[in-house]
PDB file of N, CA and C in Angstrom:
ATOM      1  N   MET A   1      76.123  78.082  36.162  1.00  0.00           N
ATOM      2  CA  MET A   1      77.596  78.094  36.564  1.00  0.00           C
ATOM      3  C   MET A   1      78.458  76.653  36.350  1.00  0.00           C
ATOM      4  N   ALA A   2      77.519  75.844  36.547  1.00  0.00           N
ATOM      5  CA  ALA A   2      78.187  74.483  36.545  1.00  0.00           C
ATOM      6  C   ALA A   2      78.158  74.048  35.045  1.00  0.00           C
ATOM      7  N   GLY A   3      77.491  74.525  34.156  1.00  0.00           N
ATOM      8  CA  GLY A   3      77.560  74.457  32.619  1.00  0.00           C
ATOM      9  C   GLY A   3      79.050  75.262  32.113  1.00  0.00           C
ATOM     10  N   ARG A   4      79.359  76.290  32.680  1.00  0.00           N
ATOM     11  CA  ARG A   4      80.459  77.002  32.331  1.00  0.00           C
ATOM     12  C   ARG A   4      81.783  76.089  32.909  1.00  0.00           C
ATOM     13  N   ALA A   5      81.640  75.583  34.263  1.00  0.00           N
ATOM     14  CA  ALA A   5      82.702  74.583  34.631  1.00  0.00           C
ATOM     15  C   ALA A   5      83.063  73.537  33.724  1.00  0.00           C
ATOM     16  N   ARG A   6      81.892  72.622  33.368  1.00  0.00           N
ATOM     17  CA  ARG A   6      81.855  71.459  32.298  1.00  0.00           C
ATOM     18  C   ARG A   6      82.770  71.965  31.219  1.00  0.00           C
ATOM     19  N   HIS A   7      82.558  73.208  30.600  1.00  0.00           N
ATOM     20  CA  HIS A   7      82.794  73.699  29.259  1.00  0.00           C
ATOM     21  C   HIS A   7      84.363  73.784  29.398  1.00  0.00           C
ATOM     22  N   LEU A   8      84.620  74.696  30.613  1.00  0.00           N
ATOM     23  CA  LEU A   8      86.290  74.741  30.795  1.00  0.00           C
ATOM     24  C   LEU A   8      86.923  73.634  31.159  1.00  0.00           C
ATOM     25  N   GLY A   9      86.401  72.558  31.716  1.00  0.00           N
ATOM     26  CA  GLY A   9      86.831  71.353  32.132  1.00  0.00           C
ATOM     27  C   GLY A   9      87.090  70.529  30.852  1.00  0.00           C
ATOM     28  N   ARG A  10      86.207  70.678  29.971  1.00  0.00           N
ATOM     29  CA  ARG A  10      86.580  69.801  28.671  1.00  0.00           C
ATOM     30  C   ARG A  10      87.686  70.439  27.703  1.00  0.00           C
ATOM     31  N   TYR A  11      87.444  71.871  27.671  1.00  0.00           N
ATOM     32  CA  TYR A  11      88.736  72.614  27.086  1.00  0.00           C
ATOM     33  C   TYR A  11      90.037  72.306  27.889  1.00  0.00           C
ATOM     34  N   LEU A  12      90.158  72.163  29.103  1.00  0.00           N
ATOM     35  CA  LEU A  12      91.227  72.052  29.929  1.00  0.00           C
ATOM     36  C   LEU A  12      91.797  70.410  29.372  1.00  0.00           C
ATOM     37  N   GLU A  13      90.988  69.507  29.256  1.00  0.00           N
ATOM     38  CA  GLU A  13      91.131  68.124  28.861  1.00  0.00           C
ATOM     39  C   GLU A  13      91.775  68.180  27.535  1.00  0.00           C
ATOM     40  N   LEU A  14      91.252  68.864  26.546  1.00  0.00           N
ATOM     41  CA  LEU A  14      91.627  68.881  25.346  1.00  0.00           C
ATOM     42  C   LEU A  14      92.879  69.202  25.174  1.00  0.00           C
ATOM     43  N   LEU A  15      92.897  70.700  25.825  1.00  0.00           N
ATOM     44  CA  LEU A  15      94.238  71.254  25.541  1.00  0.00           C
ATOM     45  C   LEU A  15      95.579  70.646  26.133  1.00  0.00           C
ATOM     46  N   THR A  16      95.236  70.021  27.306  1.00  0.00           N
ATOM     47  CA  THR A  16      96.235  69.107  28.017  1.00  0.00           C
ATOM     48  C   THR A  16      96.836  68.102  27.198  1.00  0.00           C
ATOM     49  N   GLY A  17      95.741  67.302  26.649  1.00  0.00           N
ATOM     50  CA  GLY A  17      95.897  66.342  25.831  1.00  0.00           C
ATOM     51  C   GLY A  17      97.016  66.791  24.441  1.00  0.00           C
ATOM     52  N   ILE A  18      96.497  68.058  23.912  1.00  0.00           N
ATOM     53  CA  ILE A  18      97.390  68.489  22.647  1.00  0.00           C
ATOM     54  C   ILE A  18      98.686  68.643  23.313  1.00  0.00           C
ATOM     55  N   ALA A  19      98.786  69.306  24.574  1.00  0.00           N
ATOM     56  CA  ALA A  19     100.149  69.660  24.766  1.00  0.00           C
ATOM     57  C   ALA A  19     100.895  68.385  25.317  1.00  0.00           C
ATOM     58  N   SER A  20     100.482  67.459  25.834  1.00  0.00           N
ATOM     59  CA  SER A  20     101.162  66.002  25.857  1.00  0.00           C
ATOM     60  C   SER A  20     101.542  65.609  24.548  1.00  0.00           C
ATOM     61  N   ARG A  21     100.626  65.283  23.368  1.00  0.00           N
ATOM     62  CA  ARG A  21     101.072  65.055  22.194  1.00  0.00           C
ATOM     63  C   ARG A  21     102.263  65.883  21.584  1.00  0.00           C
ATOM     64  N   ALA A  22     102.324  67.032  21.956  1.00  0.00           N
ATOM     65  CA  ALA A  22     103.036  67.772  21.391  1.00  0.00           C
ATOM     66  C   ALA A  22     104.573  67.781  22.269  1.00  0.00           C
ATOM     67  N   GLY A  23     104.617  66.994  23.089  1.00  0.00           N
ATOM     68  CA  GLY A  23     105.944  66.916  23.927  1.00  0.00           C
ATOM     69  C   GLY A  23     106.197  67.742  24.888  1.00  0.00           C
ATOM     70  N   ALA A  24     105.338  68.491  25.327  1.00  0.00           N
ATOM     71  CA  ALA A  24     105.400  69.503  26.706  1.00  0.00           C
ATOM     72  C   ALA A  24     106.301  68.624  27.758  1.00  0.00           C
ATOM     73  N   ALA A  25     106.978  69.177  28.592  1.00  0.00           N
ATOM     74  CA  ALA A  25     107.626  68.877  29.630  1.00  0.00           C
ATOM     75  C   ALA A  25     106.463  68.727  30.800  1.00  0.00           C
ATOM     76  N   ASP A  26     105.489  69.387  30.859  1.00  0.00           N
ATOM     77  CA  ASP A  26     104.391  69.666  32.060  1.00  0.00           C
ATOM     78  C   ASP A  26     103.046  69.793  31.287  1.00  0.00           C
ATOM     79  N   PRO A  27     102.615  68.617  30.696  1.00  0.00           N
ATOM     80  CA  PRO A  27     101.159  68.867  29.818  1.00  0.00           C
ATOM     81  C   PRO A  27     100.372  69.643  30.709  1.00  0.00           C
ATOM     82  N   PRO A  28      99.781  69.155  32.059  1.00  0.00           N
ATOM     83  CA  PRO A  28      98.742  70.077  32.663  1.00  0.00           C
ATOM     84  C   PRO A  28      99.080  71.380  32.921  1.00  0.00           C
ATOM     85  N   LEU A  29     100.456  71.830  33.083  1.00  0.00           N
ATOM     86  CA  LEU A  29     100.706  73.219  33.152  1.00  0.00           C
ATOM     87  C   LEU A  29     100.461  73.929  31.924  1.00  0.00           C
ATOM     88  N   LEU A  30     101.018  73.518  30.613  1.00  0.00           N
ATOM     89  CA  LEU A  30     100.642  74.044  29.427  1.00  0.00           C
ATOM     90  C   LEU A  30      99.353  73.864  29.226  1.00  0.00           C
ATOM     91  N   GLY A  31      98.407  73.024  29.530  1.00  0.00           N
ATOM     92  CA  GLY A  31      97.285  72.854  29.175  1.00  0.00           C
ATOM     93  C   GLY A  31      96.140  74.071  30.015  1.00  0.00           C
ATOM     94  N   ARG A  32      96.779  74.445  31.118  1.00  0.00           N
ATOM     95  CA  ARG A  32      96.277  75.443  31.949  1.00  0.00           C
ATOM     96  C   ARG A  32      96.606  76.925  31.281  1.00  0.00           C
ATOM     97  N   GLN A  33      97.780  77.011  31.001  1.00  0.00           N
ATOM     98  CA  GLN A  33      98.394  78.377  30.372  1.00  0.00           C
ATOM     99  C   GLN A  33      97.512  78.602  28.867  1.00  0.00           C
ATOM    100  N   LEU A  34      97.239  77.520  28.193  1.00  0.00           N
ATOM    101  CA  LEU A  34      96.603  77.628  26.894  1.00  0.00           C
ATOM    102  C   LEU A  34      95.161  77.695  27.157  1.00  0.00           C
ATOM    103  N   LEU A  35      94.439  77.425  28.167  1.00  0.00           N
ATOM    104  CA  LEU A  35      93.323  77.594  28.385  1.00  0.00           C
ATOM    105  C   LEU A  35      92.991  78.927  28.830  1.00  0.00           C
ATOM    106  N   ILE A  36      93.828  79.602  29.660  1.00  0.00           N
ATOM    107  CA  ILE A  36      93.792  81.098  29.927  1.00  0.00           C
ATOM    108  C   ILE A  36      94.027  81.635  28.891  1.00  0.00           C
ATOM    109  N   LEU A  37      94.940  81.656  27.919  1.00  0.00           N
ATOM    110  CA  LEU A  37      95.017  82.271  26.744  1.00  0.00           C
ATOM    111  C   LEU A  37      93.912  82.290  25.696  1.00  0.00           C
ATOM    112  N   LEU A  38      93.280  81.040  25.720  1.00  0.00           N
ATOM    113  CA  LEU A  38      92.212  80.805  24.880  1.00  0.00           C
ATOM    114  C   LEU A  38      90.953  81.854  25.386  1.00  0.00           C
ATOM    115  N   GLU A  39      90.673  81.639  26.792  1.00  0.00           N
ATOM    116  CA  GLU A  39      89.576  82.464  27.404  1.00  0.00           C
ATOM    117  C   GLU A  39      89.730  83.859  27.238  1.00  0.00           C
ATOM    118  N   GLY A  40      90.929  84.238  27.562  1.00  0.00           N
ATOM    119  CA  GLY A  40      91.332  85.833  27.444  1.00  0.00           C
ATOM    120  C   GLY A  40      91.162  86.272  26.225  1.00  0.00           C
ATOM    121  N   ALA A  41      91.751  85.604  25.123  1.00  0.00           N
ATOM    122  CA  ALA A  41      91.544  85.964  23.815  1.00  0.00           C
ATOM    123  C   ALA A  41      90.052  86.112  23.223  1.00  0.00           C
ATOM    124  N   THR A  42      89.143  85.172  23.690  1.00  0.00           N
ATOM    125  CA  THR A  42      87.754  85.042  23.385  1.00  0.00           C
ATOM    126  C   THR A  42      87.246  86.224  24.202  1.00  0.00           C
ATOM    127  N   ALA A  43      87.608  86.581  25.348  1.00  0.00           N
ATOM    128  CA  ALA A  43      86.638  87.718  25.941  1.00  0.00           C
ATOM    129  C   ALA A  43      87.110  88.940  25.539  1.00  0.00           C
ATOM    130  N   VAL A  44      88.638  89.296  25.102  1.00  0.00           N
ATOM    131  CA  VAL A  44      88.937  90.337  24.562  1.00  0.00           C
ATOM    132  C   VAL A  44      88.330  90.582  23.359  1.00  0.00           C
ATOM    133  N   ALA A  45      88.093  89.506  22.441  1.00  0.00           N
ATOM    134  CA  ALA A  45      87.465  89.616  21.188  1.00  0.00           C
ATOM    135  C   ALA A  45      85.992  90.039  21.019  1.00  0.00           C
ATOM    136  N   ALA A  46      85.430  89.414  22.200  1.00  0.00           N
ATOM    137  CA  ALA A  46      84.045  89.487  22.416  1.00  0.00           C
ATOM    138  C   ALA A  46      83.615  90.914  22.909  1.00  0.00           C
ATOM    139  N   HIS A  47      84.429  91.178  23.729  1.00  0.00           N
ATOM    140  CA  HIS A  47      83.892  92.568  24.387  1.00  0.00           C
ATOM    141  C   HIS A  47      84.818  93.979  24.066  1.00  0.00           C
ATOM    142  N   HIS A  48      85.962  93.772  23.352  1.00  0.00           N
ATOM    143  CA  HIS A  48      86.407  94.982  22.702  1.00  0.00           C
ATOM    144  C   HIS A  48      86.757  95.038  21.299  1.00  0.00           C
ATOM    145  N   SER A  49      85.995  94.424  20.544  1.00  0.00           N
ATOM    146  CA  SER A  49      86.146  94.315  19.028  1.00  0.00           C
ATOM    147  C   SER A  49      87.486  94.242  18.602  1.00  0.00           C
ATOM    148  N   ALA A  50      88.400  93.620  19.274  1.00  0.00           N
ATOM    149  CA  ALA A  50      89.993  93.370  18.933  1.00  0.00           C
ATOM    150  C   ALA A  50      90.244  92.463  17.912  1.00  0.00           C
ATOM    151  N   VAL A  51      90.490  93.312  16.710  1.00  0.00           N
ATOM    152  CA  VAL A  51      90.868  92.914  15.592  1.00  0.00           C
ATOM    153  C   VAL A  51      92.193  91.930  15.627  1.00  0.00           C
ATOM    154  N   GLY A  52      92.295  90.673  15.321  1.00  0.00           N
ATOM    155  CA  GLY A  52      93.563  90.180  15.324  1.00  0.00           C
ATOM    156  C   GLY A  52      93.454  89.284  16.587  1.00  0.00           C
ATOM    157  N   ALA A  53      92.652  89.185  17.551  1.00  0.00           N
ATOM    158  CA  ALA A  53      92.902  88.675  18.800  1.00  0.00           C
ATOM    159  C   ALA A  53      93.501  87.192  18.813  1.00  0.00           C
ATOM    160  N   GLY A  54      92.632  86.546  17.674  1.00  0.00           N
ATOM    161  CA  GLY A  54      92.748  85.206  17.578  1.00  0.00           C
ATOM    162  C   GLY A  54      94.312  84.872  16.932  1.00  0.00           C
ATOM    163  N   ASP A  55      94.639  85.817  16.025  1.00  0.00           N
ATOM    164  CA  ASP A  55      96.098  85.804  15.408  1.00  0.00           C
ATOM    165  C   ASP A  55      97.209  85.924  16.476  1.00  0.00           C
ATOM    166  N   HIS A  56      96.852  86.937  17.496  1.00  0.00           N
ATOM    167  CA  HIS A  56      97.802  87.127  18.782  1.00  0.00           C
ATOM    168  C   HIS A  56      97.690  85.841  19.549  1.00  0.00           C
ATOM    169  N   ALA A  57      96.727  85.501  19.796  1.00  0.00           N
ATOM    170  CA  ALA A  57      96.488  84.240  20.675  1.00  0.00           C
ATOM    171  C   ALA A  57      97.190  82.964  19.998  1.00  0.00           C
ATOM    172  N   ARG A  58      97.258  82.838  18.893  1.00  0.00           N
ATOM    173  CA  ARG A  58      98.027  81.726  18.026  1.00  0.00           C
ATOM    174  C   ARG A  58      99.286  81.844  18.390  1.00  0.00           C
ATOM    175  N   ARG A  59      99.705  82.954  18.182  1.00  0.00           N
ATOM    176  CA  ARG A  59     101.408  83.380  18.161  1.00  0.00           C
ATOM    177  C   ARG A  59     101.610  83.042  19.621  1.00  0.00           C
ATOM    178  N   ALA A  60     100.921  83.320  20.564  1.00  0.00           N
ATOM    179  CA  ALA A  60     101.492  83.300  22.054  1.00  0.00           C
ATOM    180  C   ALA A  60     101.182  81.777  22.234  1.00  0.00           C
ATOM    181  N   ALA A  61     100.468  81.233  21.981  1.00  0.00           N
ATOM    182  CA  ALA A  61     100.227  79.701  22.102  1.00  0.00           C
ATOM    183  C   ALA A  61     101.639  79.074  21.526  1.00  0.00           C
ATOM    184  N   LEU A  62     102.131  79.203  20.492  1.00  0.00           N
ATOM    185  CA  LEU A  62     103.041  78.702  19.824  1.00  0.00           C
ATOM    186  C   LEU A  62     104.369  78.961  20.608  1.00  0.00           C
ATOM    187  N   THR A  63     104.449  80.444  21.189  1.00  0.00           N
ATOM    188  CA  THR A  63     105.792  80.695  22.097  1.00  0.00           C
ATOM    189  C   THR A  63     105.602  79.907  23.568  1.00  0.00           C
ATOM    190  N   LEU A  64     104.226  79.675  23.960  1.00  0.00           N
ATOM    191  CA  LEU A  64     104.280  78.757  25.092  1.00  0.00           C
ATOM    192  C   LEU A  64     104.724  77.392  24.759  1.00  0.00           C
ATOM    193  N   LEU A  65     104.400  77.015  23.891  1.00  0.00           N
ATOM    194  CA  LEU A  65     104.697  75.554  23.381  1.00  0.00           C
ATOM    195  C   LEU A  65     106.234  75.373  23.048  1.00  0.00           C
ATOM    196  N   SER A  66     106.637  76.270  22.445  1.00  0.00           N
ATOM    197  CA  SER A  66     108.110  76.351  22.065  1.00  0.00           C
ATOM    198  C   SER A  66     108.819  76.133  23.455  1.00  0.00           C
ATOM    199  N   ALA A  67     108.440  77.123  24.366  1.00  0.00           N
ATOM    200  CA  ALA A  67     109.075  77.238  25.816  1.00  0.00           C
ATOM    201  C   ALA A  67     108.832  75.761  26.471  1.00  0.00           C
ATOM    202  N   ALA A  68     107.638  75.132  26.546  1.00  0.00           N
ATOM    203  CA  ALA A  68     107.389  73.953  27.016  1.00  0.00           C
ATOM    204  C   ALA A  68     108.449  72.911  26.563  1.00  0.00           C
ATOM    205  N   ARG A  69     108.454  72.902  25.197  1.00  0.00           N
ATOM    206  CA  ARG A  69     109.284  71.720  24.604  1.00  0.00           C
ATOM    207  C   ARG A  69     110.952  72.153  24.899  1.00  0.00           C
ATOM    208  N   THR A  70     111.216  73.289  24.971  1.00  0.00           N
ATOM    209  CA  THR A  70     112.484  73.562  25.251  1.00  0.00           C
ATOM    210  C   THR A  70     112.995  73.124  26.709  1.00  0.00           C
ATOM    211  N   SER A  71     112.175  73.221  27.685  1.00  0.00           N
ATOM    212  CA  SER A  71     112.404  72.724  28.922  1.00  0.00           C
ATOM    213  C   SER A  71     112.520  71.114  29.110  1.00  0.00           C
ATOM    214  N   LEU A  72     112.073  70.578  27.925  1.00  0.00           N
ATOM    215  CA  LEU A  72     112.455  69.098  28.020  1.00  0.00           C
ATOM    216  C   LEU A  72     113.896  68.839  27.762  1.00  0.00           C
ATOM    217  N   ASP A  73     114.367  69.646  27.138  1.00  0.00           N
ATOM    218  CA  ASP A  73     115.741  69.469  26.598  1.00  0.00           C
ATOM    219  C   ASP A  73     116.750  70.174  27.419  1.00  0.00           C
ATOM    220  N   GLY A  74     116.306  70.662  28.306  1.00  0.00           N
ATOM    221  CA  GLY A  74     116.990  71.236  29.673  1.00  0.00           C
ATOM    222  C   GLY A  74     117.987  72.224  29.686  1.00  0.00           C
TER     223      GLY A  74
END
């Protein structure tokens, strides 16, 4: 279980950094949202043979990023 927590922590750090560089208004929040999206897409693809899960996750991530950047513009 500790290994899984480290794995998620590293992903969260990476995604929060990406969110920050992308200009998100709240990088930690967007990082957590992207982590949930990534992990959910991975689980769906692994357990349900969902074709296109990665593409759907990518589109959702772009929507989240757009919303996060829009909130900067107020």
